[in-house]
């Protein structure tokens, strides 16, 4: 339904000059085939399943690289419930948390609204680096503001990086290797 809302906004001229890349969380696939031929959308699937449990999913090295490139080069990121907002902040990519259920109103326990009530999401929102869209009009308005001025909420995104990321130096693999080697030496 969010894709429908965006498509309607583009068609009516409320959103201009946008190309929307859509990827659902690998644990929550949805049928987006009806948008596959739509020139406003590029539909992709990230994540490789390696078991029967849908949570047994990981990104391949190529998918990791693609995701990093996408976050670094996107004009903005829309998300519902994901830690990609932290990753996007590293690249100073404006972000909007979609906090409504498309074109319908669902009970709280089935609504996306419950995700932003989780403690870690409340903390992320409190940084000021994420705009929360509570209805379709607010989403389109926020998208237009960020597309016009990507510097909006830049300080908040810097707060996300400062508060949520211990090291932002690209050397996590080296630290992990050192820890594993140290543990093996202690055996």
C-alpha atoms as a PDB file:
ATOM      1  CA  UNK A   1       0.000   0.000   0.000  1.00  0.00           C
ATOM      2  CA  UNK A   2       2.908   2.358   0.618  1.00  0.00           C
ATOM      3  CA  UNK A   3       4.075   1.743  -2.945  1.00  0.00           C
ATOM      4  CA  UNK A   4       0.553   2.552  -4.148  1.00  0.00           C
ATOM      5  CA  UNK A   5       0.608   5.809  -2.170  1.00  0.00           C
ATOM      6  CA  UNK A   6       3.982   6.762  -3.650  1.00  0.00           C
ATOM      7  CA  UNK A   7       2.877   5.838  -7.169  1.00  0.00           C
ATOM      8  CA  UNK A   8      -0.266   7.963  -6.826  1.00  0.00           C
ATOM      9  CA  UNK A   9       1.827  10.901  -5.568  1.00  0.00           C
ATOM     10  CA  UNK A  10       4.189  10.613  -8.528  1.00  0.00           C
ATOM     11  CA  UNK A  11       1.323  10.274 -11.011  1.00  0.00           C
ATOM     12  CA  UNK A  12      -0.439  13.349  -9.580  1.00  0.00           C
ATOM     13  CA  UNK A  13       2.807  15.369  -9.578  1.00  0.00           C
ATOM     14  CA  UNK A  14       3.063  15.615  -5.790  1.00  0.00           C
ATOM     15  CA  UNK A  15       6.449  13.862  -6.006  1.00  0.00           C
ATOM     16  CA  UNK A  16       8.729  14.734  -8.901  1.00  0.00           C
ATOM     17  CA  UNK A  17      11.886  13.284 -10.381  1.00  0.00           C
ATOM     18  CA  UNK A  18      12.010  10.228  -8.148  1.00  0.00           C
ATOM     19  CA  UNK A  19      12.967   6.647  -8.770  1.00  0.00           C
ATOM     20  CA  UNK A  20      12.051   4.338  -5.909  1.00  0.00           C
ATOM     21  CA  UNK A  21      14.097   1.262  -5.062  1.00  0.00           C
ATOM     22  CA  UNK A  22      12.030  -1.171  -2.995  1.00  0.00           C
ATOM     23  CA  UNK A  23      13.382  -4.052  -0.972  1.00  0.00           C
ATOM     24  CA  UNK A  24      11.435  -5.738   1.769  1.00  0.00           C
ATOM     25  CA  UNK A  25      13.171  -7.202   4.764  1.00  0.00           C
ATOM     26  CA  UNK A  26      14.199 -10.746   3.804  1.00  0.00           C
ATOM     27  CA  UNK A  27      12.172 -12.142   6.716  1.00  0.00           C
ATOM     28  CA  UNK A  28       9.029 -10.332   5.553  1.00  0.00           C
ATOM     29  CA  UNK A  29       8.624 -10.921   1.850  1.00  0.00           C
ATOM     30  CA  UNK A  30       5.644  -9.424   0.066  1.00  0.00           C
ATOM     31  CA  UNK A  31       4.399  -9.801  -3.473  1.00  0.00           C
ATOM     32  CA  UNK A  32       5.428  -6.603  -5.221  1.00  0.00           C
ATOM     33  CA  UNK A  33       5.210  -8.071  -8.726  1.00  0.00           C
ATOM     34  CA  UNK A  34       2.489  -5.598  -9.723  1.00  0.00           C
ATOM     35  CA  UNK A  35       5.124  -2.832  -9.493  1.00  0.00           C
ATOM     36  CA  UNK A  36       7.782  -4.679 -11.491  1.00  0.00           C
ATOM     37  CA  UNK A  37       6.796  -3.050 -14.800  1.00  0.00           C
ATOM     38  CA  UNK A  38       6.114   0.357 -13.240  1.00  0.00           C
ATOM     39  CA  UNK A  39       8.797   2.818 -14.398  1.00  0.00           C
ATOM     40  CA  UNK A  40       8.782   4.585 -11.016  1.00  0.00           C
ATOM     41  CA  UNK A  41       9.949   1.486  -9.125  1.00  0.00           C
ATOM     42  CA  UNK A  42      12.839  -0.922  -9.068  1.00  0.00           C
ATOM     43  CA  UNK A  43      11.975  -3.977  -7.005  1.00  0.00           C
ATOM     44  CA  UNK A  44      14.843  -6.019  -5.568  1.00  0.00           C
ATOM     45  CA  UNK A  45      15.212  -8.775  -3.014  1.00  0.00           C
ATOM     46  CA  UNK A  46      18.126  -8.814  -0.646  1.00  0.00           C
ATOM     47  CA  UNK A  47      19.032 -11.739   1.556  1.00  0.00           C
ATOM     48  CA  UNK A  48      19.797 -15.373   0.908  1.00  0.00           C
ATOM     49  CA  UNK A  49      17.868 -18.048   2.792  1.00  0.00           C
ATOM     50  CA  UNK A  50      19.966 -20.965   3.988  1.00  0.00           C
ATOM     51  CA  UNK A  51      17.375 -22.901   5.924  1.00  0.00           C
ATOM     52  CA  UNK A  52      13.669 -23.523   6.237  1.00  0.00           C
ATOM     53  CA  UNK A  53      13.193 -20.885   8.922  1.00  0.00           C
ATOM     54  CA  UNK A  54      12.689 -17.488   7.223  1.00  0.00           C
ATOM     55  CA  UNK A  55      14.922 -15.933   9.896  1.00  0.00           C
ATOM     56  CA  UNK A  56      17.815 -18.032   8.592  1.00  0.00           C
ATOM     57  CA  UNK A  57      18.771 -15.337   6.127  1.00  0.00           C
ATOM     58  CA  UNK A  58      22.021 -13.513   5.506  1.00  0.00           C
ATOM     59  CA  UNK A  59      23.304 -11.044   2.945  1.00  0.00           C
ATOM     60  CA  UNK A  60      25.983 -12.193   0.553  1.00  0.00           C
ATOM     61  CA  UNK A  61      29.138 -10.104   0.135  1.00  0.00           C
ATOM     62  CA  UNK A  62      27.727  -8.681  -3.106  1.00  0.00           C
ATOM     63  CA  UNK A  63      24.437  -7.842  -1.396  1.00  0.00           C
ATOM     64  CA  UNK A  64      26.319  -6.099   1.432  1.00  0.00           C
ATOM     65  CA  UNK A  65      28.256  -4.038  -1.114  1.00  0.00           C
ATOM     66  CA  UNK A  66      25.065  -3.195  -3.002  1.00  0.00           C
ATOM     67  CA  UNK A  67      23.307  -2.148   0.191  1.00  0.00           C
ATOM     68  CA  UNK A  68      26.204   0.099   1.241  1.00  0.00           C
ATOM     69  CA  UNK A  69      26.302   1.680  -2.232  1.00  0.00           C
ATOM     70  CA  UNK A  70      22.552   2.182  -2.160  1.00  0.00           C
ATOM     71  CA  UNK A  71      22.618   3.867   1.247  1.00  0.00           C
ATOM     72  CA  UNK A  72      25.561   6.055   0.267  1.00  0.00           C
ATOM     73  CA  UNK A  73      23.947   7.211  -2.986  1.00  0.00           C
ATOM     74  CA  UNK A  74      20.251   7.362  -2.101  1.00  0.00           C
ATOM     75  CA  UNK A  75      18.644  10.770  -1.813  1.00  0.00           C
ATOM     76  CA  UNK A  76      16.633   9.464   1.132  1.00  0.00           C
ATOM     77  CA  UNK A  77      15.610   6.268   2.875  1.00  0.00           C
ATOM     78  CA  UNK A  78      12.083   5.238   3.853  1.00  0.00           C
ATOM     79  CA  UNK A  79      11.826   2.503   6.447  1.00  0.00           C
ATOM     80  CA  UNK A  80       9.295   0.842   8.705  1.00  0.00           C
ATOM     81  CA  UNK A  81      11.205  -1.217  11.280  1.00  0.00           C
ATOM     82  CA  UNK A  82      14.873  -1.704  10.600  1.00  0.00           C
ATOM     83  CA  UNK A  83      18.319  -0.801  11.795  1.00  0.00           C
ATOM     84  CA  UNK A  84      19.107   0.481   8.295  1.00  0.00           C
ATOM     85  CA  UNK A  85      18.405   3.924   9.720  1.00  0.00           C
ATOM     86  CA  UNK A  86      21.644   3.649  11.664  1.00  0.00           C
ATOM     87  CA  UNK A  87      23.527   2.606   8.532  1.00  0.00           C
ATOM     88  CA  UNK A  88      21.966   5.421   6.501  1.00  0.00           C
ATOM     89  CA  UNK A  89      23.056   7.967   9.109  1.00  0.00           C
ATOM     90  CA  UNK A  90      26.694   6.983   8.530  1.00  0.00           C
ATOM     91  CA  UNK A  91      26.275   8.253   4.964  1.00  0.00           C
ATOM     92  CA  UNK A  92      24.244  11.294   6.102  1.00  0.00           C
ATOM     93  CA  UNK A  93      21.307   9.992   4.095  1.00  0.00           C
ATOM     94  CA  UNK A  94      18.022  11.639   5.140  1.00  0.00           C
ATOM     95  CA  UNK A  95      15.531   9.123   6.459  1.00  0.00           C
ATOM     96  CA  UNK A  96      11.834   8.837   7.130  1.00  0.00           C
ATOM     97  CA  UNK A  97      10.223   6.244   9.363  1.00  0.00           C
ATOM     98  CA  UNK A  98       6.857   5.231   7.908  1.00  0.00           C
ATOM     99  CA  UNK A  99       4.572   5.030  10.923  1.00  0.00           C
ATOM    100  CA  UNK A 100       1.191   4.299   9.361  1.00  0.00           C
ATOM    101  CA  UNK A 101      -0.461   1.260   7.814  1.00  0.00           C
ATOM    102  CA  UNK A 102      -0.802   2.324   4.223  1.00  0.00           C
ATOM    103  CA  UNK A 103      -4.386   3.090   3.306  1.00  0.00           C
ATOM    104  CA  UNK A 104      -5.974   1.338   6.256  1.00  0.00           C
ATOM    105  CA  UNK A 105      -6.029   1.527  10.014  1.00  0.00           C
ATOM    106  CA  UNK A 106      -5.015  -1.671  11.737  1.00  0.00           C
ATOM    107  CA  UNK A 107      -5.332  -2.618  15.389  1.00  0.00           C
ATOM    108  CA  UNK A 108      -2.195  -1.661  17.316  1.00  0.00           C
ATOM    109  CA  UNK A 109      -0.945  -5.252  17.657  1.00  0.00           C
ATOM    110  CA  UNK A 110      -0.988  -5.628  13.842  1.00  0.00           C
ATOM    111  CA  UNK A 111       0.068  -2.066  13.058  1.00  0.00           C
ATOM    112  CA  UNK A 112       3.525  -0.841  12.085  1.00  0.00           C
ATOM    113  CA  UNK A 113       3.001   1.831  14.764  1.00  0.00           C
ATOM    114  CA  UNK A 114       4.041  -0.633  17.457  1.00  0.00           C
ATOM    115  CA  UNK A 115       7.607  -0.778  16.116  1.00  0.00           C
ATOM    116  CA  UNK A 116       8.448   2.822  16.945  1.00  0.00           C
ATOM    117  CA  UNK A 117       7.228   2.194  20.500  1.00  0.00           C
ATOM    118  CA  UNK A 118      10.102  -0.246  21.089  1.00  0.00           C
ATOM    119  CA  UNK A 119      12.762   1.195  23.391  1.00  0.00           C
ATOM    120  CA  UNK A 120      15.610   1.067  20.872  1.00  0.00           C
ATOM    121  CA  UNK A 121      13.469   2.779  18.223  1.00  0.00           C
ATOM    122  CA  UNK A 122      12.359   5.476  20.676  1.00  0.00           C
ATOM    123  CA  UNK A 123      16.024   6.199  21.349  1.00  0.00           C
ATOM    124  CA  UNK A 124      16.805   6.369  17.628  1.00  0.00           C
ATOM    125  CA  UNK A 125      13.915   8.778  16.991  1.00  0.00           C
ATOM    126  CA  UNK A 126      14.973  10.938  19.970  1.00  0.00           C
ATOM    127  CA  UNK A 127      18.276  11.749  18.229  1.00  0.00           C
ATOM    128  CA  UNK A 128      16.410  14.033  15.825  1.00  0.00           C
ATOM    129  CA  UNK A 129      17.902  12.258  12.839  1.00  0.00           C
ATOM    130  CA  UNK A 130      14.754  10.482  11.664  1.00  0.00           C
ATOM    131  CA  UNK A 131      11.553  12.138  10.513  1.00  0.00           C
ATOM    132  CA  UNK A 132       8.447  10.151  11.494  1.00  0.00           C
ATOM    133  CA  UNK A 133       5.612  10.214   8.933  1.00  0.00           C
ATOM    134  CA  UNK A 134       2.298   9.357  10.558  1.00  0.00           C
ATOM    135  CA  UNK A 135       0.127   9.526   7.434  1.00  0.00           C
ATOM    136  CA  UNK A 136       0.501   9.549   3.643  1.00  0.00           C
ATOM    137  CA  UNK A 137       0.417  13.346   3.298  1.00  0.00           C
ATOM    138  CA  UNK A 138       3.133  13.741   5.949  1.00  0.00           C
ATOM    139  CA  UNK A 139       5.237  11.164   4.103  1.00  0.00           C
ATOM    140  CA  UNK A 140       5.021  12.970   0.759  1.00  0.00           C
ATOM    141  CA  UNK A 141       5.645  16.360   2.390  1.00  0.00           C
ATOM    142  CA  UNK A 142       8.721  15.065   4.235  1.00  0.00           C
ATOM    143  CA  UNK A 143      10.061  13.414   1.092  1.00  0.00           C
ATOM    144  CA  UNK A 144       9.742  16.680  -0.824  1.00  0.00           C
ATOM    145  CA  UNK A 145      11.444  18.655   1.969  1.00  0.00           C
ATOM    146  CA  UNK A 146      14.401  16.243   2.091  1.00  0.00           C
ATOM    147  CA  UNK A 147      14.694  16.121  -1.702  1.00  0.00           C
ATOM    148  CA  UNK A 148      14.775  19.911  -1.764  1.00  0.00           C
ATOM    149  CA  UNK A 149      17.150  20.244   1.208  1.00  0.00           C
ATOM    150  CA  UNK A 150      19.071  17.069   2.179  1.00  0.00           C
ATOM    151  CA  UNK A 151      20.820  18.976   4.994  1.00  0.00           C
ATOM    152  CA  UNK A 152      17.612  18.947   7.076  1.00  0.00           C
ATOM    153  CA  UNK A 153      18.166  16.957  10.288  1.00  0.00           C
ATOM    154  CA  UNK A 154      21.893  16.525   9.513  1.00  0.00           C
ATOM    155  CA  UNK A 155      22.793  17.209  13.148  1.00  0.00           C
ATOM    156  CA  UNK A 156      20.359  14.507  14.246  1.00  0.00           C
ATOM    157  CA  UNK A 157      21.914  12.000  11.850  1.00  0.00           C
ATOM    158  CA  UNK A 158      25.317  12.880  13.316  1.00  0.00           C
ATOM    159  CA  UNK A 159      23.779  12.176  16.749  1.00  0.00           C
ATOM    160  CA  UNK A 160      22.725   8.723  15.531  1.00  0.00           C
ATOM    161  CA  UNK A 161      26.280   7.939  14.447  1.00  0.00           C
ATOM    162  CA  UNK A 162      27.779   9.293  17.670  1.00  0.00           C
ATOM    163  CA  UNK A 163      25.318   7.455  19.923  1.00  0.00           C
ATOM    164  CA  UNK A 164      24.760   4.188  18.074  1.00  0.00           C
ATOM    165  CA  UNK A 165      28.097   3.329  16.487  1.00  0.00           C
ATOM    166  CA  UNK A 166      31.117   2.581  18.644  1.00  0.00           C
ATOM    167  CA  UNK A 167      33.606   2.495  15.774  1.00  0.00           C
ATOM    168  CA  UNK A 168      33.012   4.013  12.362  1.00  0.00           C
ATOM    169  CA  UNK A 169      36.387   3.260  10.860  1.00  0.00           C
ATOM    170  CA  UNK A 170      35.625   0.279   8.611  1.00  0.00           C
ATOM    171  CA  UNK A 171      37.892  -2.037  10.618  1.00  0.00           C
ATOM    172  CA  UNK A 172      35.341  -4.265  12.354  1.00  0.00           C
ATOM    173  CA  UNK A 173      36.638  -7.322  10.478  1.00  0.00           C
ATOM    174  CA  UNK A 174      40.179  -6.661  11.685  1.00  0.00           C
ATOM    175  CA  UNK A 175      38.968  -6.350  15.279  1.00  0.00           C
ATOM    176  CA  UNK A 176      36.951  -9.553  14.952  1.00  0.00           C
ATOM    177  CA  UNK A 177      39.946 -11.422  13.536  1.00  0.00           C
ATOM    178  CA  UNK A 178      42.150 -10.174  16.375  1.00  0.00           C
ATOM    179  CA  UNK A 179      39.549 -11.304  18.939  1.00  0.00           C
ATOM    180  CA  UNK A 180      39.254 -14.763  17.362  1.00  0.00           C
ATOM    181  CA  UNK A 181      43.037 -15.140  17.202  1.00  0.00           C
ATOM    182  CA  UNK A 182      43.301 -14.075  20.835  1.00  0.00           C
ATOM    183  CA  UNK A 183      40.654 -16.571  21.879  1.00  0.00           C
ATOM    184  CA  UNK A 184      42.394 -19.359  19.959  1.00  0.00           C
ATOM    185  CA  UNK A 185      45.732 -18.549  21.566  1.00  0.00           C
ATOM    186  CA  UNK A 186      44.120 -18.814  24.975  1.00  0.00           C
ATOM    187  CA  UNK A 187      42.997 -22.407  24.293  1.00  0.00           C
END
